[in-house]
Amino acid sequence: MKVLLINGSPHERGCTYTALCEVAGALNEAGVETELLHLGTEPIAGCLGCGGCRGLGRCVIEDVVNVALGRAAGADGYVFGSPVHYAAASGAITCFLDRFFQVGGHAYKPGAAVVSARRGGTTAALDQLNKYMTISRMPLVSSQYWNMVHGNTPEEVRQDLEGLQIMRTLGRNMAWLLRCIEAGRAAGIRPPAPEPERLHTNFIR
């Protein structure tokens, strides 16, 4: 089993990275392989709404989104990490997720989001990130508290003992859910099939 962790911070080894490493460590201890992908600092275009990804399994824009989609194909679950910018997720990961999830193919893979902030805006950013998963038929993995760490530097994050424990608990909960899904699959339990037609209601009359 493998979990793909996405670092949506411009800082490759900053506070978000520190939180994700704590999650990854707990997953590794539980026997789950992990891969950490940093989105980098190159601009990430937003979704064009062109529909070109339908049937392709990739975005028409060639950048880190397609790199992540390629790696996601071999992953059983995801953890998306972001710093808090103006009480929201970073612009980079927002553009990334708009396109990553538009391509699809993530249903029934467990997912989680973690955020890092100096002080506030964490729950608003978490709510934003969680919506990508809850609209995509993904089981949302929780912890013992909301998935956040606090600190202005990696050293300060390491002093947030509760935050680090939350990250470890999240990793263990993710590993447990992956094992449950694996056991269910071995017992012949399959995900529910979607209805033959997806309904879209237009509220403008």
N, C-alpha and C. Protein backbone atom coordinates (compact mmCIF):
# COMPACT_ATOMS: atom_id res chain seq x y z
N MET A 1 0.84 -1.20 0.00
CA MET A 1 0.00 0.00 0.00
C MET A 1 0.87 1.24 0.00
N LYS A 2 0.34 2.29 -0.62
CA LYS A 2 1.13 3.50 -0.77
C LYS A 2 0.24 4.73 -0.63
N VAL A 3 0.79 5.76 0.02
CA VAL A 3 0.09 7.03 0.17
C VAL A 3 0.95 8.12 -0.46
N LEU A 4 0.33 8.95 -1.29
CA LEU A 4 0.99 10.09 -1.91
C LEU A 4 0.69 11.33 -1.08
N LEU A 5 1.75 12.01 -0.63
CA LEU A 5 1.61 13.23 0.15
C LEU A 5 2.04 14.41 -0.72
N ILE A 6 1.21 15.44 -0.79
CA ILE A 6 1.46 16.60 -1.63
C ILE A 6 1.78 17.81 -0.75
N ASN A 7 2.94 18.40 -0.97
CA ASN A 7 3.35 19.59 -0.23
C ASN A 7 3.03 20.82 -1.08
N GLY A 8 1.98 21.55 -0.68
CA GLY A 8 1.55 22.71 -1.43
C GLY A 8 2.15 24.02 -0.97
N SER A 9 3.22 23.96 -0.21
CA SER A 9 3.90 25.17 0.24
C SER A 9 5.01 25.54 -0.73
N PRO A 10 5.30 26.84 -0.90
CA PRO A 10 6.44 27.21 -1.73
C PRO A 10 7.77 26.81 -1.10
N HIS A 11 7.76 26.55 0.20
CA HIS A 11 8.98 26.16 0.91
C HIS A 11 9.07 24.63 0.96
N GLU A 12 10.06 24.10 0.29
CA GLU A 12 10.16 22.65 0.14
C GLU A 12 10.31 21.93 1.47
N ARG A 13 11.03 22.54 2.41
CA ARG A 13 11.27 21.88 3.70
C ARG A 13 10.87 22.81 4.85
N GLY A 14 9.70 23.42 4.72
CA GLY A 14 9.21 24.33 5.74
C GLY A 14 8.24 23.68 6.71
N CYS A 15 7.29 24.46 7.17
CA CYS A 15 6.35 24.00 8.20
C CYS A 15 5.41 22.92 7.69
N THR A 16 4.89 23.10 6.48
CA THR A 16 3.99 22.08 5.91
C THR A 16 4.72 20.77 5.71
N TYR A 17 5.93 20.85 5.22
CA TYR A 17 6.77 19.66 5.05
C TYR A 17 6.98 18.95 6.39
N THR A 18 7.22 19.71 7.43
CA THR A 18 7.44 19.13 8.76
C THR A 18 6.22 18.36 9.21
N ALA A 19 5.03 18.92 8.99
CA ALA A 19 3.79 18.23 9.35
C ALA A 19 3.61 16.95 8.53
N LEU A 20 3.83 17.06 7.22
CA LEU A 20 3.65 15.90 6.36
C LEU A 20 4.63 14.78 6.70
N CYS A 21 5.85 15.13 7.08
CA CYS A 21 6.84 14.12 7.46
C CYS A 21 6.39 13.35 8.69
N GLU A 22 5.70 14.03 9.61
CA GLU A 22 5.21 13.36 10.80
C GLU A 22 4.11 12.34 10.43
N VAL A 23 3.25 12.74 9.48
CA VAL A 23 2.23 11.81 8.98
C VAL A 23 2.89 10.62 8.29
N ALA A 24 3.86 10.92 7.43
CA ALA A 24 4.54 9.87 6.67
C ALA A 24 5.25 8.89 7.60
N GLY A 25 5.87 9.41 8.67
CA GLY A 25 6.56 8.54 9.61
C GLY A 25 5.62 7.54 10.25
N ALA A 26 4.42 7.99 10.63
CA ALA A 26 3.44 7.08 11.23
C ALA A 26 2.94 6.06 10.21
N LEU A 27 2.77 6.49 8.98
CA LEU A 27 2.36 5.55 7.93
C LEU A 27 3.44 4.50 7.70
N ASN A 28 4.69 4.93 7.63
CA ASN A 28 5.79 3.98 7.43
C ASN A 28 5.89 2.98 8.56
N GLU A 29 5.71 3.45 9.79
CA GLU A 29 5.74 2.55 10.94
C GLU A 29 4.64 1.50 10.86
N ALA A 30 3.53 1.86 10.21
CA ALA A 30 2.40 0.92 10.05
C ALA A 30 2.55 0.06 8.80
N GLY A 31 3.69 0.17 8.12
CA GLY A 31 3.94 -0.67 6.96
C GLY A 31 3.40 -0.13 5.65
N VAL A 32 3.08 1.16 5.61
CA VAL A 32 2.55 1.78 4.39
C VAL A 32 3.65 2.61 3.74
N GLU A 33 3.87 2.39 2.46
CA GLU A 33 4.86 3.16 1.71
C GLU A 33 4.34 4.58 1.48
N THR A 34 5.24 5.54 1.46
CA THR A 34 4.84 6.92 1.22
C THR A 34 5.73 7.56 0.15
N GLU A 35 5.16 8.54 -0.53
CA GLU A 35 5.91 9.37 -1.46
C GLU A 35 5.49 10.81 -1.24
N LEU A 36 6.46 11.70 -1.09
CA LEU A 36 6.20 13.11 -0.86
C LEU A 36 6.55 13.89 -2.11
N LEU A 37 5.57 14.63 -2.63
CA LEU A 37 5.78 15.44 -3.84
C LEU A 37 5.61 16.91 -3.50
N HIS A 38 6.66 17.69 -3.77
CA HIS A 38 6.60 19.13 -3.56
C HIS A 38 6.16 19.78 -4.86
N LEU A 39 5.16 20.67 -4.79
CA LEU A 39 4.65 21.31 -6.00
C LEU A 39 5.63 22.29 -6.60
N GLY A 40 6.58 22.75 -5.83
CA GLY A 40 7.60 23.64 -6.34
C GLY A 40 7.16 25.10 -6.33
N THR A 41 7.95 25.92 -6.99
CA THR A 41 7.68 27.36 -7.00
C THR A 41 7.34 27.89 -8.40
N GLU A 42 7.30 27.02 -9.38
CA GLU A 42 6.88 27.45 -10.71
C GLU A 42 5.38 27.73 -10.69
N PRO A 43 4.92 28.73 -11.45
CA PRO A 43 3.48 29.01 -11.48
C PRO A 43 2.67 27.80 -11.94
N ILE A 44 1.55 27.56 -11.28
CA ILE A 44 0.63 26.48 -11.65
C ILE A 44 -0.65 27.13 -12.18
N ALA A 45 -0.96 26.84 -13.43
CA ALA A 45 -2.14 27.44 -14.05
C ALA A 45 -3.41 26.88 -13.43
N GLY A 46 -4.43 27.70 -13.39
CA GLY A 46 -5.74 27.23 -12.95
C GLY A 46 -6.43 26.43 -14.04
N CYS A 47 -7.52 25.80 -13.68
CA CYS A 47 -8.29 25.00 -14.64
C CYS A 47 -8.89 25.93 -15.70
N LEU A 48 -8.78 25.54 -16.97
CA LEU A 48 -9.32 26.31 -18.07
C LEU A 48 -10.79 26.00 -18.34
N GLY A 49 -11.29 24.94 -17.72
CA GLY A 49 -12.67 24.54 -17.97
C GLY A 49 -12.90 24.09 -19.40
N CYS A 50 -11.86 23.58 -20.05
CA CYS A 50 -11.95 23.23 -21.47
C CYS A 50 -12.52 21.84 -21.70
N GLY A 51 -12.50 21.00 -20.67
CA GLY A 51 -13.00 19.64 -20.82
C GLY A 51 -12.05 18.72 -21.55
N GLY A 52 -10.85 19.20 -21.86
CA GLY A 52 -9.89 18.39 -22.60
C GLY A 52 -9.39 17.18 -21.85
N CYS A 53 -9.51 17.18 -20.53
CA CYS A 53 -9.02 16.06 -19.73
C CYS A 53 -9.95 14.86 -19.78
N ARG A 54 -11.19 15.05 -20.21
CA ARG A 54 -12.16 13.96 -20.23
C ARG A 54 -11.69 12.84 -21.14
N GLY A 55 -11.53 11.68 -20.59
CA GLY A 55 -11.09 10.53 -21.36
C GLY A 55 -9.59 10.42 -21.51
N LEU A 56 -8.86 11.50 -21.22
CA LEU A 56 -7.40 11.46 -21.36
C LEU A 56 -6.71 10.92 -20.11
N GLY A 57 -7.32 11.19 -18.94
CA GLY A 57 -6.69 10.81 -17.69
C GLY A 57 -5.55 11.73 -17.32
N ARG A 58 -5.48 12.88 -17.95
CA ARG A 58 -4.46 13.87 -17.67
C ARG A 58 -4.94 15.23 -18.12
N CYS A 59 -4.25 16.28 -17.67
CA CYS A 59 -4.62 17.64 -18.05
C CYS A 59 -3.94 18.01 -19.35
N VAL A 60 -4.56 18.91 -20.10
CA VAL A 60 -3.97 19.36 -21.37
C VAL A 60 -2.77 20.28 -21.13
N ILE A 61 -2.65 20.82 -19.92
CA ILE A 61 -1.51 21.66 -19.55
C ILE A 61 -0.44 20.75 -18.95
N GLU A 62 0.74 20.77 -19.51
CA GLU A 62 1.81 19.89 -19.05
C GLU A 62 2.61 20.56 -17.93
N ASP A 63 2.38 20.14 -16.72
CA ASP A 63 3.15 20.65 -15.58
C ASP A 63 3.07 19.66 -14.43
N VAL A 64 3.27 20.12 -13.22
CA VAL A 64 3.34 19.23 -12.06
C VAL A 64 2.03 18.50 -11.80
N VAL A 65 0.92 19.03 -12.30
CA VAL A 65 -0.36 18.33 -12.11
C VAL A 65 -0.31 16.96 -12.78
N ASN A 66 0.21 16.89 -13.99
CA ASN A 66 0.29 15.59 -14.67
C ASN A 66 1.34 14.69 -14.03
N VAL A 67 2.38 15.27 -13.48
CA VAL A 67 3.36 14.47 -12.73
C VAL A 67 2.65 13.81 -11.55
N ALA A 68 1.86 14.59 -10.82
CA ALA A 68 1.15 14.07 -9.66
C ALA A 68 0.11 13.03 -10.06
N LEU A 69 -0.60 13.26 -11.15
CA LEU A 69 -1.60 12.29 -11.61
C LEU A 69 -0.95 10.95 -11.96
N GLY A 70 0.24 11.01 -12.55
CA GLY A 70 0.95 9.77 -12.86
C GLY A 70 1.31 9.00 -11.61
N ARG A 71 1.73 9.71 -10.58
CA ARG A 71 2.09 9.05 -9.32
C ARG A 71 0.86 8.64 -8.54
N ALA A 72 -0.22 9.38 -8.70
CA ALA A 72 -1.46 9.05 -8.00
C ALA A 72 -2.03 7.73 -8.47
N ALA A 73 -1.75 7.36 -9.70
CA ALA A 73 -2.29 6.11 -10.24
C ALA A 73 -1.84 4.90 -9.43
N GLY A 74 -0.66 4.99 -8.83
CA GLY A 74 -0.15 3.89 -8.02
C GLY A 74 -0.34 4.08 -6.53
N ALA A 75 -1.10 5.10 -6.15
CA ALA A 75 -1.31 5.39 -4.72
C ALA A 75 -2.68 4.91 -4.28
N ASP A 76 -2.76 4.49 -3.04
CA ASP A 76 -4.02 4.02 -2.46
C ASP A 76 -4.71 5.11 -1.65
N GLY A 77 -4.00 6.18 -1.35
CA GLY A 77 -4.57 7.28 -0.57
C GLY A 77 -3.72 8.52 -0.75
N TYR A 78 -4.28 9.66 -0.33
CA TYR A 78 -3.59 10.94 -0.48
C TYR A 78 -3.64 11.74 0.82
N VAL A 79 -2.59 12.56 1.01
CA VAL A 79 -2.61 13.59 2.04
C VAL A 79 -2.16 14.89 1.37
N PHE A 80 -3.00 15.90 1.43
CA PHE A 80 -2.69 17.19 0.82
C PHE A 80 -2.33 18.19 1.92
N GLY A 81 -1.16 18.80 1.82
CA GLY A 81 -0.71 19.74 2.83
C GLY A 81 -0.57 21.14 2.26
N SER A 82 -0.97 22.14 3.07
CA SER A 82 -0.88 23.52 2.61
C SER A 82 -0.61 24.45 3.78
N PRO A 83 0.16 25.52 3.53
CA PRO A 83 0.20 26.60 4.51
C PRO A 83 -1.10 27.38 4.43
N VAL A 84 -1.37 28.15 5.45
CA VAL A 84 -2.56 29.01 5.45
C VAL A 84 -2.17 30.38 4.94
N HIS A 85 -2.80 30.80 3.85
CA HIS A 85 -2.60 32.13 3.27
C HIS A 85 -3.94 32.86 3.30
N TYR A 86 -4.03 33.91 4.09
CA TYR A 86 -5.26 34.69 4.17
C TYR A 86 -6.46 33.80 4.51
N ALA A 87 -6.30 32.95 5.52
CA ALA A 87 -7.35 32.04 5.99
C ALA A 87 -7.84 31.09 4.89
N ALA A 88 -6.93 30.73 3.98
CA ALA A 88 -7.27 29.81 2.89
C ALA A 88 -6.03 29.01 2.53
N ALA A 89 -6.23 27.97 1.72
CA ALA A 89 -5.10 27.20 1.21
C ALA A 89 -4.27 28.06 0.26
N SER A 90 -3.04 27.65 0.03
CA SER A 90 -2.16 28.42 -0.85
C SER A 90 -2.73 28.48 -2.26
N GLY A 91 -2.39 29.53 -2.98
CA GLY A 91 -2.84 29.66 -4.36
C GLY A 91 -2.35 28.52 -5.22
N ALA A 92 -1.12 28.06 -4.96
CA ALA A 92 -0.55 26.99 -5.77
C ALA A 92 -1.34 25.70 -5.63
N ILE A 93 -1.64 25.31 -4.38
CA ILE A 93 -2.34 24.03 -4.22
C ILE A 93 -3.80 24.16 -4.65
N THR A 94 -4.36 25.36 -4.56
CA THR A 94 -5.73 25.55 -5.03
C THR A 94 -5.81 25.32 -6.54
N CYS A 95 -4.91 25.95 -7.30
CA CYS A 95 -4.88 25.72 -8.75
C CYS A 95 -4.58 24.26 -9.06
N PHE A 96 -3.67 23.68 -8.31
CA PHE A 96 -3.31 22.27 -8.50
C PHE A 96 -4.52 21.37 -8.30
N LEU A 97 -5.22 21.53 -7.19
CA LEU A 97 -6.34 20.65 -6.88
C LEU A 97 -7.51 20.85 -7.82
N ASP A 98 -7.73 22.09 -8.27
CA ASP A 98 -8.80 22.33 -9.25
C ASP A 98 -8.62 21.44 -10.47
N ARG A 99 -7.40 21.27 -10.91
CA ARG A 99 -7.13 20.46 -12.10
C ARG A 99 -6.95 18.99 -11.77
N PHE A 100 -6.29 18.69 -10.67
CA PHE A 100 -6.07 17.31 -10.25
C PHE A 100 -7.40 16.58 -10.09
N PHE A 101 -8.35 17.23 -9.44
CA PHE A 101 -9.64 16.59 -9.21
C PHE A 101 -10.56 16.67 -10.41
N GLN A 102 -10.36 17.64 -11.29
CA GLN A 102 -11.16 17.71 -12.51
C GLN A 102 -10.91 16.49 -13.39
N VAL A 103 -9.67 16.00 -13.38
CA VAL A 103 -9.35 14.82 -14.17
C VAL A 103 -10.10 13.60 -13.63
N GLY A 104 -10.24 13.51 -12.31
CA GLY A 104 -11.00 12.41 -11.70
C GLY A 104 -10.17 11.16 -11.50
N GLY A 105 -10.87 10.08 -11.15
CA GLY A 105 -10.23 8.80 -10.91
C GLY A 105 -9.78 8.59 -9.47
N HIS A 106 -10.34 9.37 -8.54
CA HIS A 106 -9.89 9.30 -7.15
C HIS A 106 -10.94 8.70 -6.21
N ALA A 107 -12.07 8.29 -6.74
CA ALA A 107 -13.16 7.80 -5.90
C ALA A 107 -12.72 6.62 -5.05
N TYR A 108 -13.14 6.65 -3.78
CA TYR A 108 -12.95 5.60 -2.79
C TYR A 108 -11.50 5.42 -2.34
N LYS A 109 -10.63 6.33 -2.73
CA LYS A 109 -9.29 6.36 -2.14
C LYS A 109 -9.37 7.26 -0.90
N PRO A 110 -8.91 6.80 0.26
CA PRO A 110 -8.93 7.66 1.44
C PRO A 110 -8.06 8.90 1.25
N GLY A 111 -8.53 10.01 1.74
CA GLY A 111 -7.78 11.26 1.62
C GLY A 111 -7.83 12.06 2.89
N ALA A 112 -6.86 12.95 3.04
CA ALA A 112 -6.82 13.84 4.20
C ALA A 112 -6.11 15.12 3.80
N ALA A 113 -6.41 16.17 4.53
CA ALA A 113 -5.73 17.45 4.34
C ALA A 113 -5.10 17.86 5.66
N VAL A 114 -3.94 18.50 5.58
CA VAL A 114 -3.31 19.08 6.76
C VAL A 114 -2.89 20.50 6.42
N VAL A 115 -2.98 21.38 7.41
CA VAL A 115 -2.60 22.77 7.18
C VAL A 115 -1.65 23.24 8.27
N SER A 116 -0.88 24.24 7.92
CA SER A 116 0.11 24.82 8.83
C SER A 116 -0.07 26.32 8.87
N ALA A 117 -0.09 26.87 10.06
CA ALA A 117 -0.27 28.32 10.20
C ALA A 117 0.53 28.84 11.39
N ARG A 118 0.87 30.11 11.30
CA ARG A 118 1.49 30.74 12.46
C ARG A 118 0.49 30.85 13.60
N ARG A 119 -0.77 31.23 13.22
CA ARG A 119 -1.74 31.46 14.28
C ARG A 119 -3.17 31.05 13.90
N GLY A 120 -3.79 31.73 12.91
CA GLY A 120 -5.21 31.51 12.64
C GLY A 120 -5.49 31.18 11.19
N GLY A 121 -6.78 30.95 10.90
CA GLY A 121 -7.23 30.65 9.55
C GLY A 121 -7.19 29.18 9.19
N THR A 122 -6.82 28.34 10.14
CA THR A 122 -6.62 26.92 9.84
C THR A 122 -7.91 26.18 9.49
N THR A 123 -8.97 26.40 10.27
CA THR A 123 -10.19 25.63 10.02
C THR A 123 -10.83 26.02 8.69
N ALA A 124 -10.73 27.31 8.31
CA ALA A 124 -11.26 27.73 7.01
C ALA A 124 -10.49 27.07 5.87
N ALA A 125 -9.17 27.01 6.01
CA ALA A 125 -8.35 26.38 4.96
C ALA A 125 -8.63 24.87 4.90
N LEU A 126 -8.79 24.23 6.04
CA LEU A 126 -9.10 22.79 6.06
C LEU A 126 -10.43 22.52 5.39
N ASP A 127 -11.42 23.36 5.68
CA ASP A 127 -12.73 23.18 5.08
C ASP A 127 -12.64 23.28 3.56
N GLN A 128 -11.86 24.22 3.07
CA GLN A 128 -11.67 24.37 1.64
C GLN A 128 -11.06 23.10 1.02
N LEU A 129 -10.00 22.59 1.63
CA LEU A 129 -9.31 21.42 1.09
C LEU A 129 -10.17 20.16 1.17
N ASN A 130 -10.90 20.01 2.27
CA ASN A 130 -11.73 18.81 2.43
C ASN A 130 -12.82 18.71 1.38
N LYS A 131 -13.28 19.85 0.88
CA LYS A 131 -14.36 19.83 -0.10
C LYS A 131 -13.96 19.12 -1.39
N TYR A 132 -12.69 19.18 -1.76
CA TYR A 132 -12.25 18.46 -2.96
C TYR A 132 -12.49 16.96 -2.81
N MET A 133 -12.27 16.45 -1.63
CA MET A 133 -12.39 15.02 -1.41
C MET A 133 -13.83 14.58 -1.21
N THR A 134 -14.60 15.41 -0.49
CA THR A 134 -15.97 14.99 -0.21
C THR A 134 -16.87 15.09 -1.44
N ILE A 135 -16.47 15.83 -2.46
CA ILE A 135 -17.25 15.86 -3.70
C ILE A 135 -16.80 14.75 -4.65
N SER A 136 -15.74 14.03 -4.27
CA SER A 136 -15.14 13.03 -5.16
C SER A 136 -15.31 11.61 -4.66
N ARG A 137 -16.27 11.40 -3.75
CA ARG A 137 -16.56 10.05 -3.21
C ARG A 137 -15.35 9.43 -2.52
N MET A 138 -14.56 10.26 -1.87
CA MET A 138 -13.39 9.77 -1.15
C MET A 138 -13.67 9.71 0.35
N PRO A 139 -13.33 8.62 1.02
CA PRO A 139 -13.42 8.60 2.48
C PRO A 139 -12.44 9.61 3.07
N LEU A 140 -12.92 10.43 3.97
CA LEU A 140 -12.10 11.48 4.58
C LEU A 140 -11.52 10.96 5.89
N VAL A 141 -10.20 11.01 6.01
CA VAL A 141 -9.52 10.50 7.20
C VAL A 141 -9.36 11.63 8.22
N SER A 142 -9.74 11.33 9.44
CA SER A 142 -9.66 12.33 10.51
C SER A 142 -8.57 11.94 11.52
N SER A 143 -8.40 12.79 12.51
CA SER A 143 -7.45 12.54 13.59
C SER A 143 -8.16 12.76 14.92
N GLN A 144 -7.41 13.08 15.95
CA GLN A 144 -8.01 13.31 17.27
C GLN A 144 -8.43 14.77 17.45
N TYR A 145 -8.06 15.61 16.49
CA TYR A 145 -8.39 17.03 16.47
C TYR A 145 -8.27 17.45 15.02
N TRP A 146 -8.59 18.68 14.71
CA TRP A 146 -8.45 19.11 13.32
C TRP A 146 -6.99 19.02 12.90
N ASN A 147 -6.78 18.66 11.63
CA ASN A 147 -5.44 18.35 11.12
C ASN A 147 -4.62 19.61 10.87
N MET A 148 -4.03 20.14 11.94
CA MET A 148 -3.28 21.39 11.82
C MET A 148 -2.07 21.39 12.74
N VAL A 149 -1.06 22.14 12.32
CA VAL A 149 0.08 22.43 13.19
C VAL A 149 0.28 23.94 13.21
N HIS A 150 0.94 24.41 14.25
CA HIS A 150 1.18 25.85 14.39
C HIS A 150 2.67 26.13 14.55
N GLY A 151 3.10 27.22 13.95
CA GLY A 151 4.49 27.63 14.05
C GLY A 151 4.88 28.46 12.84
N ASN A 152 5.86 29.31 13.03
CA ASN A 152 6.33 30.18 11.94
C ASN A 152 7.57 29.63 11.26
N THR A 153 8.16 28.61 11.88
CA THR A 153 9.34 27.94 11.33
C THR A 153 9.21 26.45 11.62
N PRO A 154 9.95 25.61 10.89
CA PRO A 154 9.92 24.18 11.21
C PRO A 154 10.28 23.90 12.66
N GLU A 155 11.21 24.67 13.21
CA GLU A 155 11.60 24.47 14.61
C GLU A 155 10.43 24.75 15.54
N GLU A 156 9.65 25.77 15.24
CA GLU A 156 8.48 26.07 16.07
C GLU A 156 7.41 24.99 15.91
N VAL A 157 7.24 24.48 14.71
CA VAL A 157 6.28 23.40 14.50
C VAL A 157 6.66 22.19 15.34
N ARG A 158 7.95 21.92 15.44
CA ARG A 158 8.40 20.77 16.24
C ARG A 158 8.14 20.98 17.72
N GLN A 159 7.90 22.21 18.12
CA GLN A 159 7.53 22.48 19.52
C GLN A 159 6.02 22.33 19.75
N ASP A 160 5.26 22.24 18.66
CA ASP A 160 3.81 22.05 18.78
C ASP A 160 3.55 20.56 19.00
N LEU A 161 3.72 20.12 20.22
CA LEU A 161 3.64 18.69 20.51
C LEU A 161 2.26 18.12 20.21
N GLU A 162 1.22 18.90 20.49
CA GLU A 162 -0.13 18.41 20.19
C GLU A 162 -0.32 18.29 18.68
N GLY A 163 0.15 19.30 17.94
CA GLY A 163 0.03 19.25 16.49
C GLY A 163 0.74 18.04 15.88
N LEU A 164 1.93 17.74 16.38
CA LEU A 164 2.66 16.58 15.88
C LEU A 164 1.95 15.28 16.23
N GLN A 165 1.36 15.23 17.41
CA GLN A 165 0.59 14.03 17.78
C GLN A 165 -0.62 13.86 16.87
N ILE A 166 -1.26 14.98 16.53
CA ILE A 166 -2.39 14.94 15.61
C ILE A 166 -1.95 14.36 14.26
N MET A 167 -0.77 14.76 13.80
CA MET A 167 -0.25 14.24 12.53
C MET A 167 0.01 12.74 12.62
N ARG A 168 0.60 12.30 13.71
CA ARG A 168 0.87 10.87 13.87
C ARG A 168 -0.42 10.06 13.94
N THR A 169 -1.40 10.58 14.67
CA THR A 169 -2.69 9.90 14.77
C THR A 169 -3.34 9.81 13.40
N LEU A 170 -3.23 10.88 12.63
CA LEU A 170 -3.77 10.88 11.28
C LEU A 170 -3.12 9.79 10.44
N GLY A 171 -1.80 9.67 10.52
CA GLY A 171 -1.11 8.64 9.76
C GLY A 171 -1.55 7.25 10.16
N ARG A 172 -1.70 7.01 11.46
CA ARG A 172 -2.14 5.69 11.93
C ARG A 172 -3.58 5.41 11.50
N ASN A 173 -4.43 6.44 11.56
CA ASN A 173 -5.82 6.26 11.13
C ASN A 173 -5.91 5.96 9.63
N MET A 174 -5.07 6.63 8.85
CA MET A 174 -5.02 6.37 7.41
C MET A 174 -4.59 4.93 7.15
N ALA A 175 -3.55 4.48 7.84
CA ALA A 175 -3.06 3.11 7.66
C ALA A 175 -4.14 2.10 8.03
N TRP A 176 -4.85 2.36 9.12
CA TRP A 176 -5.92 1.45 9.57
C TRP A 176 -7.02 1.36 8.52
N LEU A 177 -7.43 2.51 7.97
CA LEU A 177 -8.50 2.51 6.98
C LEU A 177 -8.06 1.79 5.71
N LEU A 178 -6.82 1.99 5.31
CA LEU A 178 -6.31 1.28 4.14
C LEU A 178 -6.32 -0.22 4.34
N ARG A 179 -5.97 -0.67 5.56
CA ARG A 179 -6.02 -2.11 5.88
C ARG A 179 -7.45 -2.62 5.84
N CYS A 180 -8.39 -1.82 6.34
CA CYS A 180 -9.80 -2.22 6.32
C CYS A 180 -10.30 -2.36 4.89
N ILE A 181 -9.92 -1.43 4.04
CA ILE A 181 -10.34 -1.50 2.63
C ILE A 181 -9.72 -2.73 1.96
N GLU A 182 -8.46 -2.99 2.27
CA GLU A 182 -7.78 -4.15 1.71
C GLU A 182 -8.46 -5.44 2.16
N ALA A 183 -8.83 -5.52 3.44
CA ALA A 183 -9.50 -6.71 3.96
C ALA A 183 -10.87 -6.88 3.32
N GLY A 184 -11.58 -5.77 3.15
CA GLY A 184 -12.89 -5.83 2.50
C GLY A 184 -12.79 -6.31 1.07
N ARG A 185 -11.79 -5.81 0.36
CA ARG A 185 -11.59 -6.22 -1.02
C ARG A 185 -11.30 -7.73 -1.09
N ALA A 186 -10.48 -8.21 -0.16
CA ALA A 186 -10.17 -9.65 -0.13
C ALA A 186 -11.39 -10.49 0.18
N ALA A 187 -12.34 -9.90 0.91
CA ALA A 187 -13.57 -10.61 1.25
C ALA A 187 -14.65 -10.45 0.18
N GLY A 188 -14.31 -9.79 -0.92
CA GLY A 188 -15.25 -9.64 -2.01
C GLY A 188 -16.14 -8.43 -1.94
N ILE A 189 -15.84 -7.51 -1.02
CA ILE A 189 -16.65 -6.29 -0.90
C ILE A 189 -16.11 -5.25 -1.88
N ARG A 190 -16.99 -4.72 -2.68
CA ARG A 190 -16.60 -3.75 -3.69
C ARG A 190 -17.25 -2.40 -3.39
N PRO A 191 -16.66 -1.32 -3.86
CA PRO A 191 -17.30 -0.01 -3.67
C PRO A 191 -18.67 0.03 -4.32
N PRO A 192 -19.57 0.84 -3.80
CA PRO A 192 -20.91 0.93 -4.41
C PRO A 192 -20.82 1.50 -5.82
N ALA A 193 -21.61 0.92 -6.70
CA ALA A 193 -21.64 1.40 -8.08
C ALA A 193 -22.47 2.68 -8.15
N PRO A 194 -22.02 3.66 -8.91
CA PRO A 194 -22.82 4.88 -9.05
C PRO A 194 -24.10 4.61 -9.84
N GLU A 195 -25.09 5.43 -9.64
CA GLU A 195 -26.30 5.32 -10.45
C GLU A 195 -25.95 5.53 -11.91
N PRO A 196 -26.71 4.90 -12.84
CA PRO A 196 -26.34 4.97 -14.25
C PRO A 196 -26.28 6.37 -14.83
N GLU A 197 -27.06 7.28 -14.28
CA GLU A 197 -27.04 8.65 -14.79
C GLU A 197 -26.81 9.61 -13.64
N ARG A 198 -25.81 10.46 -13.78
CA ARG A 198 -25.58 11.48 -12.76
C ARG A 198 -26.45 12.69 -13.07
N LEU A 199 -27.22 13.10 -12.07
CA LEU A 199 -28.16 14.19 -12.26
C LEU A 199 -27.52 15.52 -11.94
N HIS A 200 -27.81 16.52 -12.77
CA HIS A 200 -27.35 17.89 -12.56
C HIS A 200 -28.57 18.80 -12.61
N THR A 201 -28.87 19.42 -11.49
CA THR A 201 -30.03 20.27 -11.41
C THR A 201 -29.62 21.73 -11.60
N ASN A 202 -30.28 22.39 -12.53
CA ASN A 202 -30.04 23.82 -12.76
C ASN A 202 -31.07 24.61 -11.97
N PHE A 203 -30.61 25.43 -11.03
CA PHE A 203 -31.53 26.14 -10.16
C PHE A 203 -32.06 27.43 -10.80
N ILE A 204 -31.57 27.77 -11.99
CA ILE A 204 -32.05 28.95 -12.68
C ILE A 204 -33.24 28.55 -13.54
N ARG A 205 -34.39 29.18 -13.30
CA ARG A 205 -35.61 28.84 -14.05
C ARG A 205 -36.09 30.03 -14.88
